[in-house]
């Protein structure tokens, strides 16, 4: 097996990458990722992780966008299930802290690495239901739109030279 002479690092999380199971070609450059989660995040917003000549991307500059949210659940959690949800969410890239109790989950995360929408999808995969009142649904939609707007404004976009 041929060994790489230069160690490769995931542009999303910064971890060293071995092998090339998760790759993306972006602007003629091949990027390697340690996981499918990092690859997917990069594909959504490459301008957050790789800059362009003369301009570093937010992640390259060491920037974080820390968010704190309280997600309401449809039903109160039993203590064992709260622990399972906490373990499930703490495994996600970008999640800083989680506290699940009663009918809510308090979570702190880095928006550059994960969004509230992705966190909500993981909660549902873990078998829990988010609050379903009109207020809860509208609040989640507002958060998703707000986060997408914030991320879009942070992205560095490659501009082609016009001759």
Protein backbone atom coordinates (compact mmCIF):
# COMPACT_ATOMS: atom_id res chain seq x y z
CA UNK A 1 0.00 0.00 0.00
CA UNK A 2 1.35 3.40 -0.97
CA UNK A 3 1.62 5.80 1.95
CA UNK A 4 0.79 9.48 1.45
CA UNK A 5 3.74 11.79 1.85
CA UNK A 6 1.60 14.67 3.10
CA UNK A 7 -0.93 14.19 5.87
CA UNK A 8 -4.44 15.21 4.80
CA UNK A 9 -6.87 17.01 7.09
CA UNK A 10 -10.64 17.22 6.90
CA UNK A 11 -11.51 20.87 6.04
CA UNK A 12 -14.67 20.71 8.18
CA UNK A 13 -13.53 19.25 11.52
CA UNK A 14 -9.75 19.44 11.06
CA UNK A 15 -9.17 15.76 11.90
CA UNK A 16 -6.50 13.82 10.00
CA UNK A 17 -7.95 11.74 7.16
CA UNK A 18 -6.81 8.24 6.27
CA UNK A 19 -8.00 6.70 3.02
CA UNK A 20 -10.28 8.31 0.52
CA UNK A 21 -13.72 6.86 1.26
CA UNK A 22 -15.29 10.32 1.56
CA UNK A 23 -14.15 12.70 -1.18
CA UNK A 24 -15.55 15.72 -3.02
CA UNK A 25 -14.19 17.62 -6.00
CA UNK A 26 -14.72 21.36 -5.53
CA UNK A 27 -13.37 23.92 -8.02
CA UNK A 28 -10.99 21.32 -9.42
CA UNK A 29 -9.56 20.35 -6.03
CA UNK A 30 -10.21 17.02 -4.35
CA UNK A 31 -11.09 17.29 -0.65
CA UNK A 32 -11.01 14.33 1.75
CA UNK A 33 -13.31 13.91 4.74
CA UNK A 34 -13.21 11.72 7.85
CA UNK A 35 -16.96 11.00 7.79
CA UNK A 36 -20.11 11.26 5.74
CA UNK A 37 -21.33 14.00 8.13
CA UNK A 38 -18.31 16.22 7.35
CA UNK A 39 -18.65 15.56 3.62
CA UNK A 40 -22.36 16.44 3.65
CA UNK A 41 -21.75 19.65 5.64
CA UNK A 42 -19.02 20.69 3.18
CA UNK A 43 -21.26 20.03 0.19
CA UNK A 44 -23.99 22.26 1.66
CA UNK A 45 -21.64 25.19 2.34
CA UNK A 46 -18.12 24.81 0.88
CA UNK A 47 -17.52 28.54 1.30
CA UNK A 48 -17.52 28.11 5.08
CA UNK A 49 -14.55 25.76 4.98
CA UNK A 50 -12.34 26.71 2.04
CA UNK A 51 -11.56 30.25 1.10
CA UNK A 52 -10.34 31.73 -2.12
CA UNK A 53 -7.14 33.61 -2.99
CA UNK A 54 -6.73 36.45 -0.53
CA UNK A 55 -9.70 35.52 1.63
CA UNK A 56 -9.89 32.84 4.32
CA UNK A 57 -13.12 31.02 5.01
CA UNK A 58 -14.61 31.35 8.52
CA UNK A 59 -13.50 27.82 9.52
CA UNK A 60 -9.94 28.46 8.27
CA UNK A 61 -9.85 31.52 10.53
CA UNK A 62 -10.87 29.44 13.55
CA UNK A 63 -14.27 31.09 13.75
CA UNK A 64 -17.16 29.47 15.59
CA UNK A 65 -20.82 30.50 15.58
CA UNK A 66 -22.16 29.23 18.89
CA UNK A 67 -25.92 28.81 19.21
CA UNK A 68 -27.99 27.89 22.24
CA UNK A 69 -31.44 26.50 21.69
CA UNK A 70 -34.22 25.03 23.76
CA UNK A 71 -36.09 22.46 21.68
CA UNK A 72 -39.53 21.53 22.96
CA UNK A 73 -40.64 17.93 22.75
CA UNK A 74 -44.16 16.64 22.20
CA UNK A 75 -43.98 14.45 25.32
CA UNK A 76 -41.97 14.48 28.57
CA UNK A 77 -38.89 12.25 28.64
CA UNK A 78 -38.30 9.46 31.12
CA UNK A 79 -34.85 9.71 32.80
CA UNK A 80 -33.40 6.75 30.85
CA UNK A 81 -34.61 8.15 27.51
CA UNK A 82 -33.22 11.60 28.37
CA UNK A 83 -29.79 10.01 28.85
CA UNK A 84 -30.10 8.17 25.52
CA UNK A 85 -31.00 11.40 23.70
CA UNK A 86 -28.08 13.23 25.33
CA UNK A 87 -25.64 10.47 24.26
CA UNK A 88 -27.08 10.41 20.75
CA UNK A 89 -26.75 14.19 20.28
CA UNK A 90 -23.31 14.52 21.91
CA UNK A 91 -21.89 12.25 19.20
CA UNK A 92 -22.76 14.80 16.52
CA UNK A 93 -20.02 16.99 15.13
CA UNK A 94 -20.35 20.54 16.43
CA UNK A 95 -22.52 19.80 19.48
CA UNK A 96 -20.92 21.41 22.55
CA UNK A 97 -23.39 20.45 25.28
CA UNK A 98 -26.79 18.79 25.72
CA UNK A 99 -29.20 18.64 28.65
CA UNK A 100 -32.42 16.71 28.09
CA UNK A 101 -35.12 16.74 30.75
CA UNK A 102 -38.89 16.84 31.02
CA UNK A 103 -40.28 18.09 27.73
CA UNK A 104 -37.27 20.00 26.40
CA UNK A 105 -33.68 19.68 25.26
CA UNK A 106 -31.21 22.49 25.91
CA UNK A 107 -28.41 22.31 23.36
CA UNK A 108 -25.34 24.37 22.51
CA UNK A 109 -23.72 23.87 19.11
CA UNK A 110 -21.46 25.44 16.49
CA UNK A 111 -23.60 26.53 13.54
CA UNK A 112 -20.61 26.23 11.20
CA UNK A 113 -20.61 22.47 11.86
CA UNK A 114 -24.28 21.58 12.40
CA UNK A 115 -27.69 23.24 12.13
CA UNK A 116 -30.79 23.08 14.31
CA UNK A 117 -32.52 21.25 11.46
CA UNK A 118 -29.87 18.49 11.47
CA UNK A 119 -30.15 18.23 15.27
CA UNK A 120 -33.93 17.91 15.01
CA UNK A 121 -33.55 15.13 12.43
CA UNK A 122 -31.27 13.25 14.84
CA UNK A 123 -33.79 13.65 17.68
CA UNK A 124 -36.48 12.13 15.46
CA UNK A 125 -34.12 9.27 14.47
CA UNK A 126 -33.62 8.62 18.20
CA UNK A 127 -37.37 8.06 18.48
CA UNK A 128 -38.56 11.33 19.98
CA UNK A 129 -41.09 13.83 18.63
CA UNK A 130 -40.69 17.57 18.62
CA UNK A 131 -43.46 19.84 19.89
CA UNK A 132 -46.26 19.92 17.37
CA UNK A 133 -48.24 23.02 18.35
CA UNK A 134 -48.46 25.76 15.73
CA UNK A 135 -46.17 27.93 17.88
CA UNK A 136 -43.52 25.19 18.09
CA UNK A 137 -43.60 24.56 14.34
CA UNK A 138 -43.41 28.26 13.46
CA UNK A 139 -40.52 28.76 15.89
CA UNK A 140 -38.57 25.92 14.23
CA UNK A 141 -39.21 27.31 10.74
CA UNK A 142 -38.05 30.75 11.89
CA UNK A 143 -34.86 29.27 13.39
CA UNK A 144 -34.11 27.31 10.18
CA UNK A 145 -34.54 30.41 7.98
CA UNK A 146 -32.49 32.55 10.38
CA UNK A 147 -29.64 30.00 10.47
CA UNK A 148 -29.60 29.59 6.68
CA UNK A 149 -29.43 33.37 6.27
CA UNK A 150 -26.61 33.65 8.81
CA UNK A 151 -24.60 30.83 7.20
CA UNK A 152 -25.08 32.27 3.71
CA UNK A 153 -23.79 35.67 4.84
CA UNK A 154 -20.63 34.05 6.29
CA UNK A 155 -19.71 31.98 3.23
CA UNK A 156 -16.73 32.99 1.11
CA UNK A 157 -17.63 32.69 -2.56
CA UNK A 158 -15.09 32.08 -5.28
CA UNK A 159 -15.34 34.75 -7.96
CA UNK A 160 -14.15 33.94 -11.46
CA UNK A 161 -11.88 36.49 -13.05
CA UNK A 162 -13.52 38.30 -15.94
CA UNK A 163 -11.13 39.15 -18.78
